[in-house]
């Protein structure tokens, strides 16, 4: 009789071990499922940007080599946080304008901004540019654009943002935004220096199209966070 009881002990221990392992696995699955559902509902998504208008106060071009360009403009850009539970903190954001690959205005640092969920924020900074030399490759293209009466300027945003849910704040994400703007300057004769002033250009909020002269709205967003917070 004692031999039968001692022989049954390993079987009971084996069943207990299975129950414990099964319970641990079940708990891990439930916690993982809850975390996955929370991530799906709260995961950060990119804000949308709209270039609303540009007021060009000066646009001066030297039409002979070396090609020189100086411009001052005020741009109005709005950003919308479409997330319903996640806020955005714009930590360090700079805005500037380029023509092709040449930066034509100084970088303007936007104030630190806290954007609530489903909120729209509007910025209207002045972008000032000194006398900027245009590269020998871009110079002839700029002359062609002036002859056509329109110049494509790219308004860019480069910055760092964070996401906030309740008391939790994410690490830093890099933000890149490119907003193309076709500036209609009118026909001019590039045999002499060109100067334009006091022109305002308003843009629609339509989505980018597959064809045509180019989109008014375009955001490029990197989801890879910088590890240093």
Protein backbone atom coordinates (compact mmCIF):
# COMPACT_ATOMS: atom_id res chain seq x y z
CA UNK A 1 0.00 0.00 0.00
CA UNK A 2 2.75 2.62 0.79
CA UNK A 3 4.36 1.75 -2.52
CA UNK A 4 1.17 2.68 -4.43
CA UNK A 5 0.90 6.11 -2.69
CA UNK A 6 4.54 6.97 -3.35
CA UNK A 7 4.15 5.97 -6.99
CA UNK A 8 1.19 8.35 -7.47
CA UNK A 9 3.04 11.46 -6.19
CA UNK A 10 5.04 12.17 -9.38
CA UNK A 11 1.81 12.13 -11.43
CA UNK A 12 0.18 14.74 -9.14
CA UNK A 13 3.29 16.92 -9.24
CA UNK A 14 3.32 16.68 -13.04
CA UNK A 15 -0.30 17.82 -13.28
CA UNK A 16 0.36 20.74 -10.90
CA UNK A 17 3.36 21.83 -12.97
CA UNK A 18 1.26 21.74 -16.14
CA UNK A 19 -1.43 23.88 -14.50
CA UNK A 20 1.16 26.44 -13.36
CA UNK A 21 2.81 26.62 -16.78
CA UNK A 22 -0.58 26.87 -18.47
CA UNK A 23 -1.62 29.67 -16.13
CA UNK A 24 1.59 31.60 -16.80
CA UNK A 25 1.19 31.20 -20.56
CA UNK A 26 -2.44 32.30 -20.37
CA UNK A 27 -1.50 35.37 -18.32
CA UNK A 28 1.23 36.30 -20.81
CA UNK A 29 -1.22 35.93 -23.71
CA UNK A 30 -3.85 38.10 -21.99
CA UNK A 31 -1.33 40.82 -21.08
CA UNK A 32 0.10 40.75 -24.61
CA UNK A 33 -3.37 40.98 -26.14
CA UNK A 34 -4.28 43.95 -23.92
CA UNK A 35 -0.99 45.68 -24.79
CA UNK A 36 -1.53 45.03 -28.51
CA UNK A 37 -5.07 46.43 -28.43
CA UNK A 38 -3.86 49.49 -26.50
CA UNK A 39 -1.07 50.01 -29.04
CA UNK A 40 -3.53 49.80 -31.93
CA UNK A 41 -5.83 52.38 -30.35
CA UNK A 42 -3.12 54.79 -29.13
CA UNK A 43 -0.29 54.36 -31.64
CA UNK A 44 1.03 57.70 -32.93
CA UNK A 45 0.26 58.73 -36.48
CA UNK A 46 1.66 61.60 -38.49
CA UNK A 47 0.01 65.03 -38.33
CA UNK A 48 -1.19 66.56 -41.59
CA UNK A 49 0.18 69.90 -42.82
CA UNK A 50 -1.42 72.43 -45.16
CA UNK A 51 0.32 75.37 -46.79
CA UNK A 52 -2.45 77.98 -46.81
CA UNK A 53 -0.79 81.04 -48.33
CA UNK A 54 2.46 82.84 -49.01
CA UNK A 55 2.89 86.62 -49.08
CA UNK A 56 6.07 87.55 -50.97
CA UNK A 57 7.31 90.95 -49.85
CA UNK A 58 10.37 90.84 -52.12
CA UNK A 59 11.80 88.51 -54.75
CA UNK A 60 14.96 89.87 -56.36
CA UNK A 61 17.07 87.96 -58.85
CA UNK A 62 20.35 88.73 -60.56
CA UNK A 63 19.93 87.31 -64.06
CA UNK A 64 23.63 87.02 -64.91
CA UNK A 65 26.30 84.82 -63.41
CA UNK A 66 26.82 84.52 -60.56
CA UNK A 67 23.07 84.12 -60.06
CA UNK A 68 21.95 85.79 -56.83
CA UNK A 69 18.51 85.60 -55.23
CA UNK A 70 17.11 87.45 -52.23
CA UNK A 71 13.56 87.04 -50.99
CA UNK A 72 11.38 87.77 -47.97
CA UNK A 73 8.05 86.10 -47.45
CA UNK A 74 5.42 85.28 -44.87
CA UNK A 75 4.02 81.77 -44.96
CA UNK A 76 0.93 80.43 -43.24
CA UNK A 77 0.97 76.73 -42.45
CA UNK A 78 -1.59 74.79 -40.45
CA UNK A 79 -1.13 71.38 -38.87
CA UNK A 80 -3.90 69.08 -37.72
CA UNK A 81 -3.62 66.34 -35.12
CA UNK A 82 -6.14 63.75 -36.29
CA UNK A 83 -5.54 61.42 -33.34
CA UNK A 84 -8.40 61.29 -30.84
CA UNK A 85 -6.43 60.34 -27.72
CA UNK A 86 -2.82 61.38 -28.38
CA UNK A 87 -1.39 64.90 -28.06
CA UNK A 88 1.70 66.16 -29.91
CA UNK A 89 4.54 68.23 -28.44
CA UNK A 90 6.52 70.18 -31.04
CA UNK A 91 9.85 70.38 -29.23
CA UNK A 92 12.21 71.95 -31.75
CA UNK A 93 10.85 72.81 -35.19
CA UNK A 94 12.50 74.91 -37.90
CA UNK A 95 10.89 76.27 -41.05
CA UNK A 96 12.64 77.57 -44.17
CA UNK A 97 12.29 77.85 -47.97
CA UNK A 98 14.35 76.36 -50.77
CA UNK A 99 14.57 76.60 -54.54
CA UNK A 100 15.59 73.25 -55.95
CA UNK A 101 18.47 72.22 -53.67
CA UNK A 102 19.41 75.77 -52.63
CA UNK A 103 18.19 77.20 -49.31
CA UNK A 104 16.94 80.73 -50.02
CA UNK A 105 15.81 81.86 -46.53
CA UNK A 106 17.20 81.58 -43.05
CA UNK A 107 15.77 78.94 -40.73
CA UNK A 108 12.98 80.22 -38.51
CA UNK A 109 12.59 78.40 -35.18
CA UNK A 110 8.94 77.98 -34.27
CA UNK A 111 7.92 78.34 -30.62
CA UNK A 112 7.49 75.15 -28.63
CA UNK A 113 3.89 74.10 -29.16
CA UNK A 114 1.58 71.65 -27.39
CA UNK A 115 -1.17 70.36 -29.69
CA UNK A 116 -4.18 68.65 -28.16
CA UNK A 117 -5.84 65.71 -29.87
CA UNK A 118 -8.06 66.69 -32.83
CA UNK A 119 -6.68 70.25 -32.67
CA UNK A 120 -5.53 72.53 -35.51
CA UNK A 121 -2.52 74.81 -34.97
CA UNK A 122 -1.62 77.66 -37.36
CA UNK A 123 1.81 79.25 -37.76
CA UNK A 124 2.52 82.41 -39.80
CA UNK A 125 6.26 83.10 -39.58
CA UNK A 126 8.26 85.58 -41.66
CA UNK A 127 11.04 83.96 -43.66
CA UNK A 128 13.89 86.30 -44.45
CA UNK A 129 16.67 85.60 -46.88
CA UNK A 130 19.88 87.42 -47.55
CA UNK A 131 21.56 87.53 -50.94
CA UNK A 132 21.85 83.83 -51.73
CA UNK A 133 24.02 82.50 -54.56
CA UNK A 134 22.21 79.99 -56.74
CA UNK A 135 24.23 77.01 -57.92
CA UNK A 136 25.47 77.05 -61.54
CA UNK A 137 23.17 74.12 -62.27
CA UNK A 138 20.03 75.72 -60.80
CA UNK A 139 20.74 79.22 -62.20
CA UNK A 140 19.76 78.53 -65.85
CA UNK A 141 16.68 76.64 -64.64
CA UNK A 142 15.66 79.67 -62.55
CA UNK A 143 16.01 81.87 -65.65
CA UNK A 144 13.67 79.52 -67.53
CA UNK A 145 11.18 79.63 -64.65
CA UNK A 146 11.27 83.44 -64.69
CA UNK A 147 10.61 83.46 -68.43
CA UNK A 148 7.61 81.17 -67.86
CA UNK A 149 6.42 83.47 -65.09
CA UNK A 150 6.32 80.92 -62.27
CA UNK A 151 8.83 79.67 -59.70
CA UNK A 152 8.42 76.51 -57.65
CA UNK A 153 9.48 77.17 -54.06
CA UNK A 154 9.62 74.43 -51.44
CA UNK A 155 8.66 75.33 -47.88
CA UNK A 156 10.24 72.81 -45.53
CA UNK A 157 9.82 71.91 -41.88
CA UNK A 158 12.51 70.01 -40.00
CA UNK A 159 12.03 69.24 -36.35
CA UNK A 160 11.58 66.98 -33.38
CA UNK A 161 8.28 66.04 -31.80
CA UNK A 162 6.96 63.90 -28.96
CA UNK A 163 3.64 62.16 -28.39
CA UNK A 164 1.78 62.33 -25.06
CA UNK A 165 -0.99 60.12 -23.69
CA UNK A 166 -2.14 61.05 -20.17
CA UNK A 167 1.08 61.01 -18.07
CA UNK A 168 3.12 59.03 -20.62
CA UNK A 169 5.42 60.87 -23.06
CA UNK A 170 7.19 59.16 -25.93
CA UNK A 171 10.78 59.56 -27.05
CA UNK A 172 11.74 62.00 -29.78
CA UNK A 173 10.57 61.50 -33.35
CA UNK A 174 12.07 63.30 -36.35
CA UNK A 175 9.65 65.30 -38.49
CA UNK A 176 10.20 66.24 -42.14
CA UNK A 177 7.60 68.20 -44.12
CA UNK A 178 7.86 69.39 -47.73
CA UNK A 179 5.24 71.85 -49.02
CA UNK A 180 5.62 72.77 -52.72
CA UNK A 181 4.31 76.21 -53.70
CA UNK A 182 4.07 77.41 -57.31
CA UNK A 183 4.60 81.19 -57.15
CA UNK A 184 3.05 82.99 -60.15
CA UNK A 185 5.27 86.03 -60.73
CA UNK A 186 4.15 86.89 -64.24
CA UNK A 187 6.17 87.07 -67.45
CA UNK A 188 9.45 88.97 -67.26
CA UNK A 189 12.47 89.72 -69.40
CA UNK A 190 15.53 88.02 -67.89
CA UNK A 191 17.90 90.23 -69.84
CA UNK A 192 17.76 92.60 -66.87
CA UNK A 193 17.50 92.08 -63.14
CA UNK A 194 14.09 91.04 -61.91
CA UNK A 195 12.36 92.33 -58.78
CA UNK A 196 8.87 91.54 -57.50
CA UNK A 197 7.13 92.72 -54.36
CA UNK A 198 3.88 92.58 -52.40
CA UNK A 199 2.37 89.46 -53.94
CA UNK A 200 0.08 87.13 -52.01
CA UNK A 201 -0.61 83.57 -53.11
CA UNK A 202 -3.33 81.45 -51.58
CA UNK A 203 -3.45 77.69 -51.95
CA UNK A 204 -6.31 75.25 -51.69
CA UNK A 205 -6.39 72.42 -49.19
CA UNK A 206 -6.98 69.74 -51.81
CA UNK A 207 -5.12 66.46 -51.56
CA UNK A 208 -2.12 65.87 -53.83
CA UNK A 209 -3.07 64.61 -57.25
CA UNK A 210 -1.28 62.04 -59.38
CA UNK A 211 -0.74 64.55 -62.17
CA UNK A 212 -0.87 68.30 -62.62
CA UNK A 213 1.49 70.99 -61.45
CA UNK A 214 2.15 69.45 -58.05
CA UNK A 215 0.57 69.00 -54.63
CA UNK A 216 -0.09 71.73 -52.11
CA UNK A 217 0.21 69.37 -49.18
CA UNK A 218 2.86 66.76 -48.55
CA UNK A 219 4.17 65.43 -45.29
CA UNK A 220 7.13 63.10 -44.93
CA UNK A 221 7.33 61.55 -41.50
CA UNK A 222 9.95 59.26 -39.96
CA UNK A 223 8.59 56.86 -37.35
CA UNK A 224 12.06 55.81 -36.21
CA UNK A 225 12.61 57.48 -32.82
CA UNK A 226 15.91 58.91 -31.70
CA UNK A 227 17.02 56.93 -28.67
CA UNK A 228 18.44 59.97 -26.87
CA UNK A 229 15.51 61.71 -25.13
